Structure formats: structure tokens, C-alpha cells
Amino acid sequence: MQTGAAARTKNKNKPNPLGKQKVIDYMDIKFLNRFTNDQGRILPRRITGVSAYQQRRIALAIKYARHLALMPFVAQDIS
């Protein structure tokens, strides 16, 4: 366990993973693909760096886009 000044160091501010985009839209497939892996799974918060509220909104938008066939449920196998 660290003590003294080492224990009091501040966390670095991470850049906002959403960028300048304020609205999470299910029609913006290029934006939503940033939050899915190559298999089509939704990436967790610890990897994307978004807040819990933003993660819920992103997951809902991805699921809605999948339901409307704008995004695939699983990636295509290219073998």
C-alpha cells in the first residue's frame, strides 16, 4: 500500500469517448460500431470508458438498430 504523496496522486482525465456527439442515435451505425467488437458484441464500460448512463443508452441504441436490421446480431464468418 502506498503512503504519502504517491497515494494522493490524481487520476488522469480521460477524453470523452463520445467525442462531440451529444445524442446517441440508433441510426448512426458508424458511431455505434465503435462500441461493438469484431464479433458484434457490445463492449463493456471498462473498455469503452463511458459512464453507466451512457452505456445503457448505447446498449439500447445498438439493440434497437439490430432489431431494425441496421446492424447484424453477429458478425459474418469470412472463412
PDB file of N, CA and C in Angstrom:
ATOM      1  N   MET A   1       0.839  -1.176   0.000  1.00  0.00           N
ATOM      2  CA  MET A   1       0.000   0.000   0.000  1.00  0.00           C
ATOM      3  C   MET A   1       0.879   1.232   0.000  1.00  0.00           C
ATOM      4  N   GLN A   2       0.527   2.189  -0.849  1.00  0.00           N
ATOM      5  CA  GLN A   2       1.316   3.404  -0.937  1.00  0.00           C
ATOM      6  C   GLN A   2       0.882   4.399   0.134  1.00  0.00           C
ATOM      7  N   THR A   3       1.845   5.196   0.567  1.00  0.00           N
ATOM      8  CA  THR A   3       1.542   6.232   1.544  1.00  0.00           C
ATOM      9  C   THR A   3       2.121   7.549   1.060  1.00  0.00           C
ATOM     10  N   GLY A   4       1.703   8.621   1.691  1.00  0.00           N
ATOM     11  CA  GLY A   4       2.264   9.922   1.362  1.00  0.00           C
ATOM     12  C   GLY A   4       1.764  10.456   0.037  1.00  0.00           C
ATOM     13  N   ALA A   5       2.662  11.131  -0.688  1.00  0.00           N
ATOM     14  CA  ALA A   5       2.300  11.801  -1.935  1.00  0.00           C
ATOM     15  C   ALA A   5       1.892  10.809  -3.020  1.00  0.00           C
ATOM     16  N   ALA A   6       2.473   9.621  -3.020  1.00  0.00           N
ATOM     17  CA  ALA A   6       2.141   8.632  -4.048  1.00  0.00           C
ATOM     18  C   ALA A   6       0.678   8.201  -3.950  1.00  0.00           C
ATOM     19  N   ALA A   7       0.143   8.155  -2.739  1.00  0.00           N
ATOM     20  CA  ALA A   7      -1.237   7.735  -2.552  1.00  0.00           C
ATOM     21  C   ALA A   7      -2.219   8.835  -2.940  1.00  0.00           C
ATOM     22  N   ARG A   8      -1.758  10.075  -2.967  1.00  0.00           N
ATOM     23  CA  ARG A   8      -2.646  11.198  -3.241  1.00  0.00           C
ATOM     24  C   ARG A   8      -2.584  11.681  -4.684  1.00  0.00           C
ATOM     25  N   THR A   9      -1.928  10.947  -5.561  1.00  0.00           N
ATOM     26  CA  THR A   9      -1.847  11.390  -6.949  1.00  0.00           C
ATOM     27  C   THR A   9      -3.235  11.374  -7.568  1.00  0.00           C
ATOM     28  N   LYS A  10      -3.484  12.330  -8.415  1.00  0.00           N
ATOM     29  CA  LYS A  10      -4.803  12.439  -9.036  1.00  0.00           C
ATOM     30  C   LYS A  10      -4.872  11.564 -10.280  1.00  0.00           C
ATOM     31  N   ASN A  11      -6.066  11.100 -10.550  1.00  0.00           N
ATOM     32  CA  ASN A  11      -6.284  10.317 -11.763  1.00  0.00           C
ATOM     33  C   ASN A  11      -6.196  11.228 -12.978  1.00  0.00           C
ATOM     34  N   LYS A  12      -5.709  10.689 -14.073  1.00  0.00           N
ATOM     35  CA  LYS A  12      -5.642  11.456 -15.306  1.00  0.00           C
ATOM     36  C   LYS A  12      -7.042  11.573 -15.890  1.00  0.00           C
ATOM     37  N   ASN A  13      -7.340  12.723 -16.435  1.00  0.00           N
ATOM     38  CA  ASN A  13      -8.624  12.901 -17.096  1.00  0.00           C
ATOM     39  C   ASN A  13      -8.584  12.225 -18.457  1.00  0.00           C
ATOM     40  N   LYS A  14      -9.530  11.329 -18.674  1.00  0.00           N
ATOM     41  CA  LYS A  14      -9.614  10.638 -19.954  1.00  0.00           C
ATOM     42  C   LYS A  14     -10.468  11.469 -20.905  1.00  0.00           C
ATOM     43  N   PRO A  15     -10.157  11.433 -22.185  1.00  0.00           N
ATOM     44  CA  PRO A  15     -11.010  12.153 -23.135  1.00  0.00           C
ATOM     45  C   PRO A  15     -12.379  11.478 -23.219  1.00  0.00           C
ATOM     46  N   ASN A  16     -13.380  12.264 -23.532  1.00  0.00           N
ATOM     47  CA  ASN A  16     -14.733  11.744 -23.637  1.00  0.00           C
ATOM     48  C   ASN A  16     -14.818  10.789 -24.831  1.00  0.00           C
ATOM     49  N   PRO A  17     -15.167   9.515 -24.614  1.00  0.00           N
ATOM     50  CA  PRO A  17     -15.226   8.560 -25.724  1.00  0.00           C
ATOM     51  C   PRO A  17     -16.339   8.877 -26.725  1.00  0.00           C
ATOM     52  N   LEU A  18     -17.318   9.665 -26.310  1.00  0.00           N
ATOM     53  CA  LEU A  18     -18.386  10.020 -27.236  1.00  0.00           C
ATOM     54  C   LEU A  18     -17.985  11.176 -28.135  1.00  0.00           C
ATOM     55  N   GLY A  19     -16.897  11.840 -27.808  1.00  0.00           N
ATOM     56  CA  GLY A  19     -16.446  12.962 -28.621  1.00  0.00           C
ATOM     57  C   GLY A  19     -17.395  14.136 -28.496  1.00  0.00           C
ATOM     58  N   LYS A  20     -17.633  14.800 -29.596  1.00  0.00           N
ATOM     59  CA  LYS A  20     -18.519  15.972 -29.599  1.00  0.00           C
ATOM     60  C   LYS A  20     -19.990  15.576 -29.700  1.00  0.00           C
ATOM     61  N   GLN A  21     -20.250  14.305 -29.949  1.00  0.00           N
ATOM     62  CA  GLN A  21     -21.620  13.845 -30.145  1.00  0.00           C
ATOM     63  C   GLN A  21     -22.367  13.860 -28.817  1.00  0.00           C
ATOM     64  N   LYS A  22     -23.508  14.548 -28.784  1.00  0.00           N
ATOM     65  CA  LYS A  22     -24.281  14.651 -27.553  1.00  0.00           C
ATOM     66  C   LYS A  22     -25.462  13.688 -27.540  1.00  0.00           C
ATOM     67  N   VAL A  23     -25.966  13.346 -28.723  1.00  0.00           N
ATOM     68  CA  VAL A  23     -27.135  12.481 -28.814  1.00  0.00           C
ATOM     69  C   VAL A  23     -26.698  11.115 -29.323  1.00  0.00           C
ATOM     70  N   ILE A  24     -27.125  10.066 -28.629  1.00  0.00           N
ATOM     71  CA  ILE A  24     -26.837   8.699 -29.061  1.00  0.00           C
ATOM     72  C   ILE A  24     -28.024   8.250 -29.903  1.00  0.00           C
ATOM     73  N   ASP A  25     -27.796   8.103 -31.210  1.00  0.00           N
ATOM     74  CA  ASP A  25     -28.868   7.817 -32.150  1.00  0.00           C
ATOM     75  C   ASP A  25     -28.702   6.413 -32.722  1.00  0.00           C
ATOM     76  N   TYR A  26     -29.790   5.659 -32.763  1.00  0.00           N
ATOM     77  CA  TYR A  26     -29.728   4.290 -33.285  1.00  0.00           C
ATOM     78  C   TYR A  26     -29.496   4.261 -34.794  1.00  0.00           C
ATOM     79  N   MET A  27     -29.695   5.380 -35.480  1.00  0.00           N
ATOM     80  CA  MET A  27     -29.488   5.422 -36.925  1.00  0.00           C
ATOM     81  C   MET A  27     -28.027   5.643 -37.303  1.00  0.00           C
ATOM     82  N   ASP A  28     -27.209   6.078 -36.361  1.00  0.00           N
ATOM     83  CA  ASP A  28     -25.796   6.368 -36.625  1.00  0.00           C
ATOM     84  C   ASP A  28     -24.984   5.087 -36.425  1.00  0.00           C
ATOM     85  N   ILE A  29     -24.957   4.240 -37.434  1.00  0.00           N
ATOM     86  CA  ILE A  29     -24.338   2.921 -37.338  1.00  0.00           C
ATOM     87  C   ILE A  29     -22.820   3.023 -37.214  1.00  0.00           C
ATOM     88  N   LYS A  30     -22.225   3.967 -37.903  1.00  0.00           N
ATOM     89  CA  LYS A  30     -20.771   4.134 -37.830  1.00  0.00           C
ATOM     90  C   LYS A  30     -20.339   4.456 -36.395  1.00  0.00           C
ATOM     91  N   PHE A  31     -21.114   5.289 -35.715  1.00  0.00           N
ATOM     92  CA  PHE A  31     -20.830   5.638 -34.323  1.00  0.00           C
ATOM     93  C   PHE A  31     -21.031   4.430 -33.409  1.00  0.00           C
ATOM     94  N   LEU A  32     -22.113   3.688 -33.604  1.00  0.00           N
ATOM     95  CA  LEU A  32     -22.415   2.546 -32.736  1.00  0.00           C
ATOM     96  C   LEU A  32     -21.416   1.408 -32.924  1.00  0.00           C
ATOM     97  N   ASN A  33     -20.824   1.295 -34.107  1.00  0.00           N
ATOM     98  CA  ASN A  33     -19.834   0.245 -34.348  1.00  0.00           C
ATOM     99  C   ASN A  33     -18.577   0.441 -33.508  1.00  0.00           C
ATOM    100  N   ARG A  34     -18.327   1.660 -33.028  1.00  0.00           N
ATOM    101  CA  ARG A  34     -17.182   1.909 -32.151  1.00  0.00           C
ATOM    102  C   ARG A  34     -17.346   1.200 -30.808  1.00  0.00           C
ATOM    103  N   PHE A  35     -18.581   0.851 -30.449  1.00  0.00           N
ATOM    104  CA  PHE A  35     -18.861   0.241 -29.158  1.00  0.00           C
ATOM    105  C   PHE A  35     -19.177  -1.244 -29.275  1.00  0.00           C
ATOM    106  N   THR A  36     -18.864  -1.849 -30.429  1.00  0.00           N
ATOM    107  CA  THR A  36     -19.001  -3.292 -30.598  1.00  0.00           C
ATOM    108  C   THR A  36     -17.667  -3.861 -31.057  1.00  0.00           C
ATOM    109  N   ASN A  37     -17.418  -5.122 -30.714  1.00  0.00           N
ATOM    110  CA  ASN A  37     -16.169  -5.743 -31.156  1.00  0.00           C
ATOM    111  C   ASN A  37     -16.366  -6.365 -32.534  1.00  0.00           C
ATOM    112  N   ASP A  38     -15.341  -7.050 -33.020  1.00  0.00           N
ATOM    113  CA  ASP A  38     -15.411  -7.619 -34.369  1.00  0.00           C
ATOM    114  C   ASP A  38     -16.422  -8.752 -34.476  1.00  0.00           C
ATOM    115  N   GLN A  39     -16.829  -9.320 -33.352  1.00  0.00           N
ATOM    116  CA  GLN A  39     -17.850 -10.368 -33.365  1.00  0.00           C
ATOM    117  C   GLN A  39     -19.260  -9.799 -33.272  1.00  0.00           C
ATOM    118  N   GLY A  40     -19.368  -8.493 -33.055  1.00  0.00           N
ATOM    119  CA  GLY A  40     -20.674  -7.854 -32.956  1.00  0.00           C
ATOM    120  C   GLY A  40     -21.181  -7.707 -31.542  1.00  0.00           C
ATOM    121  N   ARG A  41     -20.383  -8.062 -30.557  1.00  0.00           N
ATOM    122  CA  ARG A  41     -20.810  -7.948 -29.163  1.00  0.00           C
ATOM    123  C   ARG A  41     -20.597  -6.533 -28.647  1.00  0.00           C
ATOM    124  N   ILE A  42     -21.448  -6.123 -27.720  1.00  0.00           N
ATOM    125  CA  ILE A  42     -21.333  -4.799 -27.123  1.00  0.00           C
ATOM    126  C   ILE A  42     -20.165  -4.805 -26.142  1.00  0.00           C
ATOM    127  N   LEU A  43     -19.274  -3.824 -26.285  1.00  0.00           N
ATOM    128  CA  LEU A  43     -18.099  -3.741 -25.418  1.00  0.00           C
ATOM    129  C   LEU A  43     -18.494  -3.223 -24.036  1.00  0.00           C
ATOM    130  N   PRO A  44     -17.824  -3.688 -22.974  1.00  0.00           N
ATOM    131  CA  PRO A  44     -18.150  -3.226 -21.622  1.00  0.00           C
ATOM    132  C   PRO A  44     -17.626  -1.814 -21.354  1.00  0.00           C
ATOM    133  N   ARG A  45     -18.138  -1.220 -20.286  1.00  0.00           N
ATOM    134  CA  ARG A  45     -17.756   0.139 -19.891  1.00  0.00           C
ATOM    135  C   ARG A  45     -16.277   0.276 -19.606  1.00  0.00           C
ATOM    136  N   ARG A  46     -15.685  -0.735 -19.010  1.00  0.00           N
ATOM    137  CA  ARG A  46     -14.272  -0.627 -18.627  1.00  0.00           C
ATOM    138  C   ARG A  46     -13.368  -0.522 -19.844  1.00  0.00           C
ATOM    139  N   ILE A  47     -13.837  -0.960 -20.990  1.00  0.00           N
ATOM    140  CA  ILE A  47     -13.054  -0.851 -22.220  1.00  0.00           C
ATOM    141  C   ILE A  47     -13.390   0.446 -22.960  1.00  0.00           C
ATOM    142  N   THR A  48     -14.668   0.783 -23.055  1.00  0.00           N
ATOM    143  CA  THR A  48     -15.056   1.974 -23.811  1.00  0.00           C
ATOM    144  C   THR A  48     -14.824   3.260 -23.031  1.00  0.00           C
ATOM    145  N   GLY A  49     -14.953   3.220 -21.713  1.00  0.00           N
ATOM    146  CA  GLY A  49     -14.712   4.408 -20.900  1.00  0.00           C
ATOM    147  C   GLY A  49     -15.906   5.329 -20.763  1.00  0.00           C
ATOM    148  N   VAL A  50     -17.094   4.869 -21.096  1.00  0.00           N
ATOM    149  CA  VAL A  50     -18.279   5.710 -20.959  1.00  0.00           C
ATOM    150  C   VAL A  50     -18.878   5.538 -19.565  1.00  0.00           C
ATOM    151  N   SER A  51     -19.772   6.450 -19.188  1.00  0.00           N
ATOM    152  CA  SER A  51     -20.426   6.351 -17.888  1.00  0.00           C
ATOM    153  C   SER A  51     -21.506   5.270 -17.943  1.00  0.00           C
ATOM    154  N   ALA A  52     -22.053   4.923 -16.783  1.00  0.00           N
ATOM    155  CA  ALA A  52     -23.088   3.892 -16.723  1.00  0.00           C
ATOM    156  C   ALA A  52     -24.332   4.334 -17.491  1.00  0.00           C
ATOM    157  N   TYR A  53     -24.696   5.597 -17.347  1.00  0.00           N
ATOM    158  CA  TYR A  53     -25.853   6.136 -18.066  1.00  0.00           C
ATOM    159  C   TYR A  53     -25.632   6.065 -19.571  1.00  0.00           C
ATOM    160  N   GLN A  54     -24.454   6.467 -20.034  1.00  0.00           N
ATOM    161  CA  GLN A  54     -24.147   6.429 -21.459  1.00  0.00           C
ATOM    162  C   GLN A  54     -24.103   4.998 -21.971  1.00  0.00           C
ATOM    163  N   GLN A  55     -23.577   4.072 -21.162  1.00  0.00           N
ATOM    164  CA  GLN A  55     -23.503   2.669 -21.568  1.00  0.00           C
ATOM    165  C   GLN A  55     -24.899   2.091 -21.771  1.00  0.00           C
ATOM    166  N   ARG A  56     -25.825   2.430 -20.880  1.00  0.00           N
ATOM    167  CA  ARG A  56     -27.200   1.945 -21.030  1.00  0.00           C
ATOM    168  C   ARG A  56     -27.840   2.506 -22.295  1.00  0.00           C
ATOM    169  N   ARG A  57     -27.610   3.777 -22.574  1.00  0.00           N
ATOM    170  CA  ARG A  57     -28.168   4.396 -23.776  1.00  0.00           C
ATOM    171  C   ARG A  57     -27.566   3.787 -25.041  1.00  0.00           C
ATOM    172  N   ILE A  58     -26.248   3.536 -25.028  1.00  0.00           N
ATOM    173  CA  ILE A  58     -25.576   2.938 -26.188  1.00  0.00           C
ATOM    174  C   ILE A  58     -26.085   1.520 -26.421  1.00  0.00           C
ATOM    175  N   ALA A  59     -26.199   0.736 -25.341  1.00  0.00           N
ATOM    176  CA  ALA A  59     -26.675  -0.642 -25.467  1.00  0.00           C
ATOM    177  C   ALA A  59     -28.095  -0.670 -26.021  1.00  0.00           C
ATOM    178  N   LEU A  60     -28.942   0.232 -25.548  1.00  0.00           N
ATOM    179  CA  LEU A  60     -30.318   0.290 -26.031  1.00  0.00           C
ATOM    180  C   LEU A  60     -30.360   0.680 -27.509  1.00  0.00           C
ATOM    181  N   ALA A  61     -29.517   1.626 -27.912  1.00  0.00           N
ATOM    182  CA  ALA A  61     -29.474   2.051 -29.313  1.00  0.00           C
ATOM    183  C   ALA A  61     -28.974   0.918 -30.208  1.00  0.00           C
ATOM    184  N   ILE A  62     -27.968   0.171 -29.748  1.00  0.00           N
ATOM    185  CA  ILE A  62     -27.448  -0.956 -30.533  1.00  0.00           C
ATOM    186  C   ILE A  62     -28.514  -2.036 -30.680  1.00  0.00           C
ATOM    187  N   LYS A  63     -29.217  -2.337 -29.592  1.00  0.00           N
ATOM    188  CA  LYS A  63     -30.262  -3.360 -29.648  1.00  0.00           C
ATOM    189  C   LYS A  63     -31.408  -2.930 -30.568  1.00  0.00           C
ATOM    190  N   TYR A  64     -31.741  -1.655 -30.531  1.00  0.00           N
ATOM    191  CA  TYR A  64     -32.796  -1.138 -31.401  1.00  0.00           C
ATOM    192  C   TYR A  64     -32.368  -1.200 -32.863  1.00  0.00           C
ATOM    193  N   ALA A  65     -31.109  -0.842 -33.136  1.00  0.00           N
ATOM    194  CA  ALA A  65     -30.589  -0.901 -34.506  1.00  0.00           C
ATOM    195  C   ALA A  65     -30.539  -2.345 -35.005  1.00  0.00           C
ATOM    196  N   ARG A  66     -30.219  -3.273 -34.132  1.00  0.00           N
ATOM    197  CA  ARG A  66     -30.216  -4.691 -34.520  1.00  0.00           C
ATOM    198  C   ARG A  66     -31.630  -5.151 -34.859  1.00  0.00           C
ATOM    199  N   HIS A  67     -32.590  -4.729 -34.050  1.00  0.00           N
ATOM    200  CA  HIS A  67     -33.975  -5.134 -34.267  1.00  0.00           C
ATOM    201  C   HIS A  67     -34.506  -4.604 -35.600  1.00  0.00           C
ATOM    202  N   LEU A  68     -34.057  -3.427 -35.998  1.00  0.00           N
ATOM    203  CA  LEU A  68     -34.476  -2.842 -37.269  1.00  0.00           C
ATOM    204  C   LEU A  68     -33.603  -3.287 -38.435  1.00  0.00           C
ATOM    205  N   ALA A  69     -32.695  -4.231 -38.197  1.00  0.00           N
ATOM    206  CA  ALA A  69     -31.792  -4.799 -39.208  1.00  0.00           C
ATOM    207  C   ALA A  69     -30.826  -3.768 -39.770  1.00  0.00           C
ATOM    208  N   LEU A  70     -30.475  -2.759 -38.975  1.00  0.00           N
ATOM    209  CA  LEU A  70     -29.453  -1.796 -39.378  1.00  0.00           C
ATOM    210  C   LEU A  70     -28.064  -2.302 -39.019  1.00  0.00           C
ATOM    211  N   MET A  71     -28.002  -3.143 -37.995  1.00  0.00           N
ATOM    212  CA  MET A  71     -26.745  -3.765 -37.559  1.00  0.00           C
ATOM    213  C   MET A  71     -26.970  -5.267 -37.460  1.00  0.00           C
ATOM    214  N   PRO A  72     -25.932  -6.062 -37.703  1.00  0.00           N
ATOM    215  CA  PRO A  72     -26.098  -7.514 -37.557  1.00  0.00           C
ATOM    216  C   PRO A  72     -26.063  -7.928 -36.084  1.00  0.00           C
ATOM    217  N   PHE A  73     -26.734  -9.025 -35.775  1.00  0.00           N
ATOM    218  CA  PHE A  73     -26.674  -9.564 -34.418  1.00  0.00           C
ATOM    219  C   PHE A  73     -25.320 -10.208 -34.159  1.00  0.00           C
ATOM    220  N   VAL A  74     -24.788 -10.894 -35.157  1.00  0.00           N
ATOM    221  CA  VAL A  74     -23.455 -11.499 -35.078  1.00  0.00           C
ATOM    222  C   VAL A  74     -22.709 -11.170 -36.361  1.00  0.00           C
ATOM    223  N   ALA A  75     -21.389 -11.174 -36.279  1.00  0.00           N
ATOM    224  CA  ALA A  75     -20.577 -10.876 -37.457  1.00  0.00           C
ATOM    225  C   ALA A  75     -20.592 -12.062 -38.410  1.00  0.00           C
ATOM    226  N   GLN A  76     -20.394 -11.776 -39.685  1.00  0.00           N
ATOM    227  CA  GLN A  76     -20.347 -12.841 -40.676  1.00  0.00           C
ATOM    228  C   GLN A  76     -19.002 -13.536 -40.608  1.00  0.00           C
ATOM    229  N   ASP A  77     -19.025 -14.854 -40.751  1.00  0.00           N
ATOM    230  CA  ASP A  77     -17.795 -15.637 -40.738  1.00  0.00           C
ATOM    231  C   ASP A  77     -17.180 -15.609 -42.133  1.00  0.00           C
ATOM    232  N   ILE A  78     -15.953 -15.101 -42.229  1.00  0.00           N
ATOM    233  CA  ILE A  78     -15.278 -14.992 -43.530  1.00  0.00           C
ATOM    234  C   ILE A  78     -14.177 -16.043 -43.596  1.00  0.00           C
ATOM    235  N   SER A  79     -14.567 -17.302 -43.697  1.00  0.00           N
ATOM    236  CA  SER A  79     -13.547 -18.358 -43.759  1.00  0.00           C
ATOM    237  C   SER A  79     -13.636 -19.172 -45.013  1.00  0.00           C
TER     238      SER A  79
END
